[in-house]
C-alpha atoms as a PDB file:
ATOM      1  CA  UNK A   1      68.083  33.793 209.436  1.00  0.00           C
ATOM      2  CA  UNK A   2      67.989  30.908 212.278  1.00  0.00           C
ATOM      3  CA  UNK A   3      67.310  27.900 210.125  1.00  0.00           C
ATOM      4  CA  UNK A   4      68.182  24.890 212.767  1.00  0.00           C
ATOM      5  CA  UNK A   5      64.819  23.438 213.277  1.00  0.00           C
ATOM      6  CA  UNK A   6      66.010  21.118 216.774  1.00  0.00           C
ATOM      7  CA  UNK A   7      63.378  19.643 219.628  1.00  0.00           C
ATOM      8  CA  UNK A   8      64.620  22.628 221.962  1.00  0.00           C
ATOM      9  CA  UNK A   9      63.440  25.343 220.130  1.00  0.00           C
ATOM     10  CA  UNK A  10      60.259  24.209 218.722  1.00  0.00           C
ATOM     11  CA  UNK A  11      59.335  23.742 222.764  1.00  0.00           C
ATOM     12  CA  UNK A  12      60.539  26.605 223.885  1.00  0.00           C
ATOM     13  CA  UNK A  13      58.226  29.087 221.190  1.00  0.00           C
ATOM     14  CA  UNK A  14      55.428  26.603 221.620  1.00  0.00           C
ATOM     15  CA  UNK A  15      55.885  27.362 225.470  1.00  0.00           C
ATOM     16  CA  UNK A  16      56.678  30.910 225.204  1.00  0.00           C
ATOM     17  CA  UNK A  17      53.480  31.374 222.762  1.00  0.00           C
ATOM     18  CA  UNK A  18      50.672  29.512 225.080  1.00  0.00           C
ATOM     19  CA  UNK A  19      51.829  32.123 227.576  1.00  0.00           C
ATOM     20  CA  UNK A  20      51.530  34.805 226.148  1.00  0.00           C
ATOM     21  CA  UNK A  21      48.632  33.547 224.627  1.00  0.00           C
ATOM     22  CA  UNK A  22      46.351  32.068 227.147  1.00  0.00           C
ATOM     23  CA  UNK A  23      43.940  34.805 228.068  1.00  0.00           C
ATOM     24  CA  UNK A  24      43.022  35.016 224.440  1.00  0.00           C
ATOM     25  CA  UNK A  25      43.603  31.285 223.038  1.00  0.00           C
ATOM     26  CA  UNK A  26      40.318  30.540 223.821  1.00  0.00           C
ATOM     27  CA  UNK A  27      38.733  33.160 221.675  1.00  0.00           C
ATOM     28  CA  UNK A  28      40.823  33.150 218.391  1.00  0.00           C
ATOM     29  CA  UNK A  29      40.331  29.408 217.758  1.00  0.00           C
ATOM     30  CA  UNK A  30      36.879  28.794 217.877  1.00  0.00           C
ATOM     31  CA  UNK A  31      37.526  25.690 214.771  1.00  0.00           C
ATOM     32  CA  UNK A  32      38.379  24.060 218.352  1.00  0.00           C
ATOM     33  CA  UNK A  33      36.395  26.233 221.030  1.00  0.00           C
ATOM     34  CA  UNK A  34      32.522  25.860 218.936  1.00  0.00           C
ATOM     35  CA  UNK A  35      32.266  24.487 215.536  1.00  0.00           C
ATOM     36  CA  UNK A  36      33.958  21.557 216.563  1.00  0.00           C
ATOM     37  CA  UNK A  37      32.766  21.196 220.295  1.00  0.00           C
ATOM     38  CA  UNK A  38      30.153  19.072 219.300  1.00  0.00           C
ATOM     39  CA  UNK A  39      31.250  16.578 217.121  1.00  0.00           C
ATOM     40  CA  UNK A  40      33.297  16.588 219.793  1.00  0.00           C
ATOM     41  CA  UNK A  41      30.956  15.734 222.578  1.00  0.00           C
ATOM     42  CA  UNK A  42      28.842  13.272 220.676  1.00  0.00           C
ATOM     43  CA  UNK A  43      31.828  11.935 219.827  1.00  0.00           C
ATOM     44  CA  UNK A  44      33.491  11.529 223.563  1.00  0.00           C
ATOM     45  CA  UNK A  45      29.485  10.089 225.013  1.00  0.00           C
ATOM     46  CA  UNK A  46      29.622   7.400 221.763  1.00  0.00           C
ATOM     47  CA  UNK A  47      33.789   6.007 222.465  1.00  0.00           C
ATOM     48  CA  UNK A  48      34.560   6.740 225.979  1.00  0.00           C
ATOM     49  CA  UNK A  49      31.654   6.157 227.701  1.00  0.00           C
ATOM     50  CA  UNK A  50      33.214   3.840 230.628  1.00  0.00           C
ATOM     51  CA  UNK A  51      34.721   4.485 233.790  1.00  0.00           C
ATOM     52  CA  UNK A  52      38.351   5.549 233.784  1.00  0.00           C
ATOM     53  CA  UNK A  53      39.749   5.871 237.481  1.00  0.00           C
ATOM     54  CA  UNK A  54      42.670   8.086 236.828  1.00  0.00           C
ATOM     55  CA  UNK A  55      42.345  10.167 233.587  1.00  0.00           C
ATOM     56  CA  UNK A  56      45.239  12.513 232.042  1.00  0.00           C
ATOM     57  CA  UNK A  57      44.893  15.267 229.550  1.00  0.00           C
ATOM     58  CA  UNK A  58      48.111  15.819 227.989  1.00  0.00           C
ATOM     59  CA  UNK A  59      48.280  19.981 226.422  1.00  0.00           C
ATOM     60  CA  UNK A  60      45.427  20.537 228.504  1.00  0.00           C
ATOM     61  CA  UNK A  61      45.281  23.959 227.468  1.00  0.00           C
ATOM     62  CA  UNK A  62      43.310  26.131 229.355  1.00  0.00           C
ATOM     63  CA  UNK A  63      40.884  22.658 230.505  1.00  0.00           C
ATOM     64  CA  UNK A  64      38.928  22.368 227.512  1.00  0.00           C
ATOM     65  CA  UNK A  65      38.909  18.969 227.631  1.00  0.00           C
ATOM     66  CA  UNK A  66      37.955  18.534 231.005  1.00  0.00           C
ATOM     67  CA  UNK A  67      34.972  20.707 229.887  1.00  0.00           C
ATOM     68  CA  UNK A  68      33.709  18.779 227.281  1.00  0.00           C
ATOM     69  CA  UNK A  69      34.100  15.592 229.522  1.00  0.00           C
ATOM     70  CA  UNK A  70      31.959  16.825 232.451  1.00  0.00           C
ATOM     71  CA  UNK A  71      29.295  18.292 229.674  1.00  0.00           C
ATOM     72  CA  UNK A  72      29.304  14.931 227.597  1.00  0.00           C
ATOM     73  CA  UNK A  73      28.808  13.171 230.870  1.00  0.00           C
ATOM     74  CA  UNK A  74      31.292  10.724 230.362  1.00  0.00           C
ATOM     75  CA  UNK A  75      34.021   9.313 230.976  1.00  0.00           C
ATOM     76  CA  UNK A  76      33.622   8.956 234.962  1.00  0.00           C
ATOM     77  CA  UNK A  77      37.007   9.023 236.682  1.00  0.00           C
ATOM     78  CA  UNK A  78      38.238   9.523 240.339  1.00  0.00           C
ATOM     79  CA  UNK A  79      41.269  11.435 239.510  1.00  0.00           C
ATOM     80  CA  UNK A  80      42.241  14.039 236.486  1.00  0.00           C
ATOM     81  CA  UNK A  81      45.095  15.386 235.685  1.00  0.00           C
ATOM     82  CA  UNK A  82      46.551  18.399 233.503  1.00  0.00           C
ATOM     83  CA  UNK A  83      49.369  18.284 232.091  1.00  0.00           C
ATOM     84  CA  UNK A  84      50.893  21.414 229.963  1.00  0.00           C
ATOM     85  CA  UNK A  85      54.147  23.214 229.000  1.00  0.00           C
ATOM     86  CA  UNK A  86      52.589  26.215 229.032  1.00  0.00           C
ATOM     87  CA  UNK A  87      52.549  27.182 233.409  1.00  0.00           C
ATOM     88  CA  UNK A  88      50.244  30.054 232.491  1.00  0.00           C
ATOM     89  CA  UNK A  89      47.835  28.250 230.577  1.00  0.00           C
ATOM     90  CA  UNK A  90      47.677  25.609 233.689  1.00  0.00           C
ATOM     91  CA  UNK A  91      46.543  28.714 235.522  1.00  0.00           C
ATOM     92  CA  UNK A  92      43.972  29.271 233.682  1.00  0.00           C
ATOM     93  CA  UNK A  93      42.764  25.218 233.445  1.00  0.00           C
ATOM     94  CA  UNK A  94      42.997  25.373 237.547  1.00  0.00           C
ATOM     95  CA  UNK A  95      40.229  28.195 237.310  1.00  0.00           C
ATOM     96  CA  UNK A  96      38.566  26.283 235.275  1.00  0.00           C
ATOM     97  CA  UNK A  97      38.939  23.358 237.333  1.00  0.00           C
ATOM     98  CA  UNK A  98      40.199  23.965 240.770  1.00  0.00           C
ATOM     99  CA  UNK A  99      39.443  19.908 241.426  1.00  0.00           C
ATOM    100  CA  UNK A 100      41.708  18.585 238.548  1.00  0.00           C
ATOM    101  CA  UNK A 101      45.869  18.568 239.756  1.00  0.00           C
ATOM    102  CA  UNK A 102      48.248  20.667 236.993  1.00  0.00           C
ATOM    103  CA  UNK A 103      51.743  19.531 235.647  1.00  0.00           C
ATOM    104  CA  UNK A 104      53.560  22.089 233.918  1.00  0.00           C
ATOM    105  CA  UNK A 105      55.559  20.018 232.258  1.00  0.00           C
ATOM    106  CA  UNK A 106      56.452  18.460 228.502  1.00  0.00           C
ATOM    107  CA  UNK A 107      54.046  16.050 227.130  1.00  0.00           C
ATOM    108  CA  UNK A 108      57.300  14.532 225.438  1.00  0.00           C
ATOM    109  CA  UNK A 109      58.914  13.706 228.828  1.00  0.00           C
ATOM    110  CA  UNK A 110      56.005  13.220 231.103  1.00  0.00           C
ATOM    111  CA  UNK A 111      56.543  12.508 235.099  1.00  0.00           C
ATOM    112  CA  UNK A 112      54.411  10.170 235.775  1.00  0.00           C
ATOM    113  CA  UNK A 113      55.223   6.176 236.870  1.00  0.00           C
ATOM    114  CA  UNK A 114      54.835   3.528 234.359  1.00  0.00           C
ATOM    115  CA  UNK A 115      51.357   1.956 233.900  1.00  0.00           C
ATOM    116  CA  UNK A 116      49.570   4.411 236.596  1.00  0.00           C
ATOM    117  CA  UNK A 117      47.069   6.028 233.631  1.00  0.00           C
ATOM    118  CA  UNK A 118      43.323   4.321 232.461  1.00  0.00           C
ATOM    119  CA  UNK A 119      43.252   7.359 230.117  1.00  0.00           C
ATOM    120  CA  UNK A 120      44.785   9.562 227.910  1.00  0.00           C
ATOM    121  CA  UNK A 121      43.741  12.193 226.178  1.00  0.00           C
ATOM    122  CA  UNK A 122      45.126  14.518 223.795  1.00  0.00           C
ATOM    123  CA  UNK A 123      43.545  17.263 221.764  1.00  0.00           C
ATOM    124  CA  UNK A 124      44.930  19.494 218.912  1.00  0.00           C
ATOM    125  CA  UNK A 125      48.825  18.559 220.753  1.00  0.00           C
ATOM    126  CA  UNK A 126      50.681  15.835 218.479  1.00  0.00           C
ATOM    127  CA  UNK A 127      51.458  19.053 215.323  1.00  0.00           C
ATOM    128  CA  UNK A 128      52.707  20.999 217.984  1.00  0.00           C
ATOM    129  CA  UNK A 129      55.463  18.281 218.850  1.00  0.00           C
ATOM    130  CA  UNK A 130      59.096  18.544 217.534  1.00  0.00           C
ATOM    131  CA  UNK A 131      58.632  14.625 217.988  1.00  0.00           C
ATOM    132  CA  UNK A 132      54.957  12.992 218.252  1.00  0.00           C
ATOM    133  CA  UNK A 133      56.210   9.710 218.166  1.00  0.00           C
ATOM    134  CA  UNK A 134      58.724  10.344 221.281  1.00  0.00           C
ATOM    135  CA  UNK A 135      55.006  11.695 222.991  1.00  0.00           C
ATOM    136  CA  UNK A 136      53.012   8.125 221.983  1.00  0.00           C
ATOM    137  CA  UNK A 137      56.006   5.990 223.234  1.00  0.00           C
ATOM    138  CA  UNK A 138      55.517   7.909 226.715  1.00  0.00           C
ATOM    139  CA  UNK A 139      51.712   7.551 226.580  1.00  0.00           C
ATOM    140  CA  UNK A 140      52.243   4.038 226.243  1.00  0.00           C
ATOM    141  CA  UNK A 141      55.110   3.627 228.872  1.00  0.00           C
ATOM    142  CA  UNK A 142      52.388   5.532 231.172  1.00  0.00           C
ATOM    143  CA  UNK A 143      48.977   3.453 230.108  1.00  0.00           C
ATOM    144  CA  UNK A 144      47.797   0.337 232.044  1.00  0.00           C
ATOM    145  CA  UNK A 145      47.509  -2.620 229.808  1.00  0.00           C
ATOM    146  CA  UNK A 146      44.214  -1.693 228.066  1.00  0.00           C
ATOM    147  CA  UNK A 147      44.167   1.758 228.692  1.00  0.00           C
ATOM    148  CA  UNK A 148      42.957   4.405 225.903  1.00  0.00           C
ATOM    149  CA  UNK A 149      44.974   7.110 224.342  1.00  0.00           C
ATOM    150  CA  UNK A 150      42.363   9.124 222.287  1.00  0.00           C
ATOM    151  CA  UNK A 151      43.642  11.480 219.845  1.00  0.00           C
ATOM    152  CA  UNK A 152      41.729  13.964 218.763  1.00  0.00           C
ATOM    153  CA  UNK A 153      41.974  17.344 216.026  1.00  0.00           C
ATOM    154  CA  UNK A 154      45.264  16.742 214.402  1.00  0.00           C
ATOM    155  CA  UNK A 155      46.474  17.836 210.809  1.00  0.00           C
ATOM    156  CA  UNK A 156      46.490  14.576 208.716  1.00  0.00           C
ATOM    157  CA  UNK A 157      48.761  13.484 206.545  1.00  0.00           C
ATOM    158  CA  UNK A 158      47.031  11.818 204.216  1.00  0.00           C
ATOM    159  CA  UNK A 159      45.521  14.908 203.793  1.00  0.00           C
ATOM    160  CA  UNK A 160      48.108  17.163 202.485  1.00  0.00           C
ATOM    161  CA  UNK A 161      49.219  14.095 200.232  1.00  0.00           C
ATOM    162  CA  UNK A 162      45.881  13.773 198.154  1.00  0.00           C
ATOM    163  CA  UNK A 163      45.994  16.557 195.464  1.00  0.00           C
ATOM    164  CA  UNK A 164      42.577  16.609 194.979  1.00  0.00           C
ATOM    165  CA  UNK A 165      41.390  17.502 198.295  1.00  0.00           C
ATOM    166  CA  UNK A 166      44.786  19.815 198.379  1.00  0.00           C
ATOM    167  CA  UNK A 167      43.731  21.996 195.552  1.00  0.00           C
ATOM    168  CA  UNK A 168      40.346  21.810 196.483  1.00  0.00           C
ATOM    169  CA  UNK A 169      40.915  23.494 200.106  1.00  0.00           C
ATOM    170  CA  UNK A 170      42.722  26.369 198.482  1.00  0.00           C
ATOM    171  CA  UNK A 171      40.371  27.116 195.802  1.00  0.00           C
ATOM    172  CA  UNK A 172      37.840  26.781 198.707  1.00  0.00           C
ATOM    173  CA  UNK A 173      40.203  29.131 201.037  1.00  0.00           C
ATOM    174  CA  UNK A 174      40.676  31.814 198.613  1.00  0.00           C
ATOM    175  CA  UNK A 175      36.754  32.147 198.017  1.00  0.00           C
ATOM    176  CA  UNK A 176      36.452  32.733 201.411  1.00  0.00           C
ATOM    177  CA  UNK A 177      38.915  34.913 201.633  1.00  0.00           C
ATOM    178  CA  UNK A 178      37.747  37.158 198.892  1.00  0.00           C
ATOM    179  CA  UNK A 179      34.688  36.956 200.204  1.00  0.00           C
ATOM    180  CA  UNK A 180      35.575  38.967 202.765  1.00  0.00           C
ATOM    181  CA  UNK A 181      37.193  42.511 201.161  1.00  0.00           C
ATOM    182  CA  UNK A 182      37.373  44.081 204.190  1.00  0.00           C
ATOM    183  CA  UNK A 183      39.913  42.004 205.868  1.00  0.00           C
ATOM    184  CA  UNK A 184      41.491  41.004 203.237  1.00  0.00           C
ATOM    185  CA  UNK A 185      42.456  44.492 202.417  1.00  0.00           C
ATOM    186  CA  UNK A 186      43.766  44.700 205.982  1.00  0.00           C
ATOM    187  CA  UNK A 187      45.976  41.729 205.531  1.00  0.00           C
ATOM    188  CA  UNK A 188      47.455  43.333 202.180  1.00  0.00           C
ATOM    189  CA  UNK A 189      47.715  46.832 204.386  1.00  0.00           C
ATOM    190  CA  UNK A 190      49.801  45.085 206.969  1.00  0.00           C
ATOM    191  CA  UNK A 191      51.745  43.415 204.533  1.00  0.00           C
ATOM    192  CA  UNK A 192      53.087  46.218 202.683  1.00  0.00           C
ATOM    193  CA  UNK A 193      53.861  48.078 206.024  1.00  0.00           C
ATOM    194  CA  UNK A 194      55.342  45.248 207.538  1.00  0.00           C
ATOM    195  CA  UNK A 195      53.094  44.938 210.356  1.00  0.00           C
ATOM    196  CA  UNK A 196      54.616  42.236 212.647  1.00  0.00           C
ATOM    197  CA  UNK A 197      52.595  40.004 215.508  1.00  0.00           C
ATOM    198  CA  UNK A 198      53.408  41.749 218.534  1.00  0.00           C
ATOM    199  CA  UNK A 199      53.452  38.162 219.919  1.00  0.00           C
ATOM    200  CA  UNK A 200      55.404  36.933 217.265  1.00  0.00           C
ATOM    201  CA  UNK A 201      57.767  39.786 217.976  1.00  0.00           C
ATOM    202  CA  UNK A 202      58.000  39.712 222.293  1.00  0.00           C
ATOM    203  CA  UNK A 203      58.436  36.117 221.598  1.00  0.00           C
ATOM    204  CA  UNK A 204      61.961  37.040 219.511  1.00  0.00           C
ATOM    205  CA  UNK A 205      62.830  39.215 221.936  1.00  0.00           C
ATOM    206  CA  UNK A 206      62.854  36.320 224.653  1.00  0.00           C
ATOM    207  CA  UNK A 207      64.297  33.751 222.682  1.00  0.00           C
ATOM    208  CA  UNK A 208      66.973  36.110 221.280  1.00  0.00           C
ATOM    209  CA  UNK A 209      67.612  37.274 224.781  1.00  0.00           C
ATOM    210  CA  UNK A 210      68.330  33.995 225.798  1.00  0.00           C
ATOM    211  CA  UNK A 211      71.108  33.655 223.229  1.00  0.00           C
ATOM    212  CA  UNK A 212      68.467  31.129 221.511  1.00  0.00           C
ATOM    213  CA  UNK A 213      68.668  33.145 218.049  1.00  0.00           C
ATOM    214  CA  UNK A 214      71.263  35.149 216.015  1.00  0.00           C
ATOM    215  CA  UNK A 215      68.250  37.352 214.298  1.00  0.00           C
ATOM    216  CA  UNK A 216      64.428  37.540 214.893  1.00  0.00           C
ATOM    217  CA  UNK A 217      62.498  34.938 212.962  1.00  0.00           C
ATOM    218  CA  UNK A 218      59.401  36.019 210.444  1.00  0.00           C
ATOM    219  CA  UNK A 219      56.179  35.688 211.817  1.00  0.00           C
ATOM    220  CA  UNK A 220      55.829  32.545 209.202  1.00  0.00           C
ATOM    221  CA  UNK A 221      58.562  30.486 210.585  1.00  0.00           C
ATOM    222  CA  UNK A 222      57.584  31.822 214.583  1.00  0.00           C
ATOM    223  CA  UNK A 223      53.674  30.206 213.037  1.00  0.00           C
ATOM    224  CA  UNK A 224      55.692  27.064 211.582  1.00  0.00           C
ATOM    225  CA  UNK A 225      57.321  26.365 214.624  1.00  0.00           C
ATOM    226  CA  UNK A 226      54.278  26.252 216.643  1.00  0.00           C
ATOM    227  CA  UNK A 227      52.083  24.346 214.582  1.00  0.00           C
ATOM    228  CA  UNK A 228      55.526  22.139 213.341  1.00  0.00           C
ATOM    229  CA  UNK A 229      53.842  19.441 211.518  1.00  0.00           C
ATOM    230  CA  UNK A 230      50.401  21.402 210.200  1.00  0.00           C
ATOM    231  CA  UNK A 231      50.806  21.951 206.533  1.00  0.00           C
ATOM    232  CA  UNK A 232      49.252  25.114 206.296  1.00  0.00           C
ATOM    233  CA  UNK A 233      50.892  26.984 209.322  1.00  0.00           C
ATOM    234  CA  UNK A 234      52.598  30.223 208.722  1.00  0.00           C
ATOM    235  CA  UNK A 235      54.042  28.817 205.146  1.00  0.00           C
ATOM    236  CA  UNK A 236      52.253  26.180 202.927  1.00  0.00           C
ATOM    237  CA  UNK A 237      54.166  22.687 203.710  1.00  0.00           C
ATOM    238  CA  UNK A 238      52.781  20.086 201.308  1.00  0.00           C
ATOM    239  CA  UNK A 239      54.047  16.713 203.442  1.00  0.00           C
ATOM    240  CA  UNK A 240      53.102  17.886 206.611  1.00  0.00           C
ATOM    241  CA  UNK A 241      50.822  16.461 208.902  1.00  0.00           C
ATOM    242  CA  UNK A 242      50.254  13.693 211.642  1.00  0.00           C
ATOM    243  CA  UNK A 243      50.608  10.357 210.114  1.00  0.00           C
ATOM    244  CA  UNK A 244      48.036   7.944 211.668  1.00  0.00           C
ATOM    245  CA  UNK A 245      50.199   4.904 210.347  1.00  0.00           C
ATOM    246  CA  UNK A 246      53.103   5.667 212.950  1.00  0.00           C
ATOM    247  CA  UNK A 247      49.595   4.770 215.720  1.00  0.00           C
ATOM    248  CA  UNK A 248      49.664   0.868 214.786  1.00  0.00           C
ATOM    249  CA  UNK A 249      53.618   0.792 215.952  1.00  0.00           C
ATOM    250  CA  UNK A 250      52.497   1.030 219.380  1.00  0.00           C
ATOM    251  CA  UNK A 251      48.707   0.809 219.669  1.00  0.00           C
ATOM    252  CA  UNK A 252      46.022  -1.104 218.577  1.00  0.00           C
ATOM    253  CA  UNK A 253      43.961   1.003 216.368  1.00  0.00           C
ATOM    254  CA  UNK A 254      40.555   0.678 217.816  1.00  0.00           C
ATOM    255  CA  UNK A 255      38.745   3.215 215.645  1.00  0.00           C
ATOM    256  CA  UNK A 256      39.978   6.508 213.701  1.00  0.00           C
ATOM    257  CA  UNK A 257      38.536   8.865 211.415  1.00  0.00           C
ATOM    258  CA  UNK A 258      39.262  11.842 209.261  1.00  0.00           C
ATOM    259  CA  UNK A 259      36.941  14.990 208.883  1.00  0.00           C
ATOM    260  CA  UNK A 260      36.862  18.790 207.236  1.00  0.00           C
ATOM    261  CA  UNK A 261      37.776  17.469 203.986  1.00  0.00           C
ATOM    262  CA  UNK A 262      37.853  20.687 202.541  1.00  0.00           C
ATOM    263  CA  UNK A 263      40.462  21.938 205.002  1.00  0.00           C
ATOM    264  CA  UNK A 264      40.265  24.744 207.316  1.00  0.00           C
ATOM    265  CA  UNK A 265      36.612  25.749 205.251  1.00  0.00           C
ATOM    266  CA  UNK A 266      35.095  22.439 206.155  1.00  0.00           C
ATOM    267  CA  UNK A 267      36.691  22.993 209.494  1.00  0.00           C
ATOM    268  CA  UNK A 268      35.820  26.547 210.879  1.00  0.00           C
ATOM    269  CA  UNK A 269      32.194  26.636 208.574  1.00  0.00           C
ATOM    270  CA  UNK A 270      29.009  24.959 208.682  1.00  0.00           C
ATOM    271  CA  UNK A 271      26.670  26.249 205.839  1.00  0.00           C
ATOM    272  CA  UNK A 272      24.807  24.664 203.716  1.00  0.00           C
ATOM    273  CA  UNK A 273      26.914  24.085 200.286  1.00  0.00           C
ATOM    274  CA  UNK A 274      30.206  23.205 202.990  1.00  0.00           C
ATOM    275  CA  UNK A 275      28.277  20.118 204.307  1.00  0.00           C
ATOM    276  CA  UNK A 276      26.973  18.784 201.167  1.00  0.00           C
ATOM    277  CA  UNK A 277      30.385  19.043 199.895  1.00  0.00           C
ATOM    278  CA  UNK A 278      32.190  17.732 203.122  1.00  0.00           C
ATOM    279  CA  UNK A 279      29.556  14.569 202.815  1.00  0.00           C
ATOM    280  CA  UNK A 280      30.359  14.277 198.763  1.00  0.00           C
ATOM    281  CA  UNK A 281      34.642  13.939 199.861  1.00  0.00           C
ATOM    282  CA  UNK A 282      33.894  12.220 202.803  1.00  0.00           C
ATOM    283  CA  UNK A 283      32.269   9.096 200.897  1.00  0.00           C
ATOM    284  CA  UNK A 284      35.308   9.554 198.121  1.00  0.00           C
ATOM    285  CA  UNK A 285      38.409   9.784 200.167  1.00  0.00           C
ATOM    286  CA  UNK A 286      37.340   8.732 203.823  1.00  0.00           C
ATOM    287  CA  UNK A 287      40.080   8.348 205.458  1.00  0.00           C
ATOM    288  CA  UNK A 288      42.180  11.644 204.378  1.00  0.00           C
ATOM    289  CA  UNK A 289      40.457  14.495 205.356  1.00  0.00           C
ATOM    290  CA  UNK A 290      42.273  17.538 207.070  1.00  0.00           C
ATOM    291  CA  UNK A 291      42.072  16.445 210.547  1.00  0.00           C
ATOM    292  CA  UNK A 292      42.270  13.056 212.083  1.00  0.00           C
ATOM    293  CA  UNK A 293      40.622  11.598 215.495  1.00  0.00           C
ATOM    294  CA  UNK A 294      41.725   8.176 216.842  1.00  0.00           C
ATOM    295  CA  UNK A 295      41.192   5.564 219.467  1.00  0.00           C
ATOM    296  CA  UNK A 296      44.053   3.782 220.684  1.00  0.00           C
ATOM    297  CA  UNK A 297      44.418   0.962 222.889  1.00  0.00           C
ATOM    298  CA  UNK A 298      47.590  -0.178 224.757  1.00  0.00           C
ATOM    299  CA  UNK A 299      47.508  -4.203 224.538  1.00  0.00           C
END
């Protein structure tokens, strides 16, 4: 099995995955496009209420962030740039927002001039990158003085290090899985039969054809490469996540908050019991939620 988790392989797997799922990505991530949608709109209206002549959305996907900004009515802008490593995602983004400029490139090597951007948005992207700090340095380079970097929907390292929240979320996940016996049975049958994810199989085929791997990677490994810094992708990996302390190395932290203190359950569900538990845990561990959001300023 390929064991070297090098940056080039991580980026290539992410590019292939998002190319292959460009048409379905919106549908299979309700936690981003439905459950967290209204929260994000409220946050943008509160914290990005202003005029930014040039905005860059790094890791834009199908243009979700620009859709949010249009609904929120803020921030206003003169030029909007969408950057993504996946060409097919950018095709979808251009279909949704033909007025925006699309840039097919890595978020760790942005082909823009120094101090040319007023606002950078990066939504659910940092955990896909092999080296998030490289992106932060690039963001600082291209932002104008006083420019803002808005980071949203990233797995929080402090959550995976908080034993109380980690174990509570694990228990909650087991309860929810068992509450849907049909889905659990399908998962068990697929495991017994050794059924592989067809997208992951195609990724393996392309990687081997290019000589990037010697043997096909297991599904869990492919998943862990896609969500490279997530503690719950593919396999359980405590100690993974984005460390909020790294933001202060490159920016002034204007605002930071966390949410989904019950992990993926708190992220995806909004029932009364979940909301009550979330409220209690947020008061006790305000900075340790599963996902984090931050407003960062270049000084």
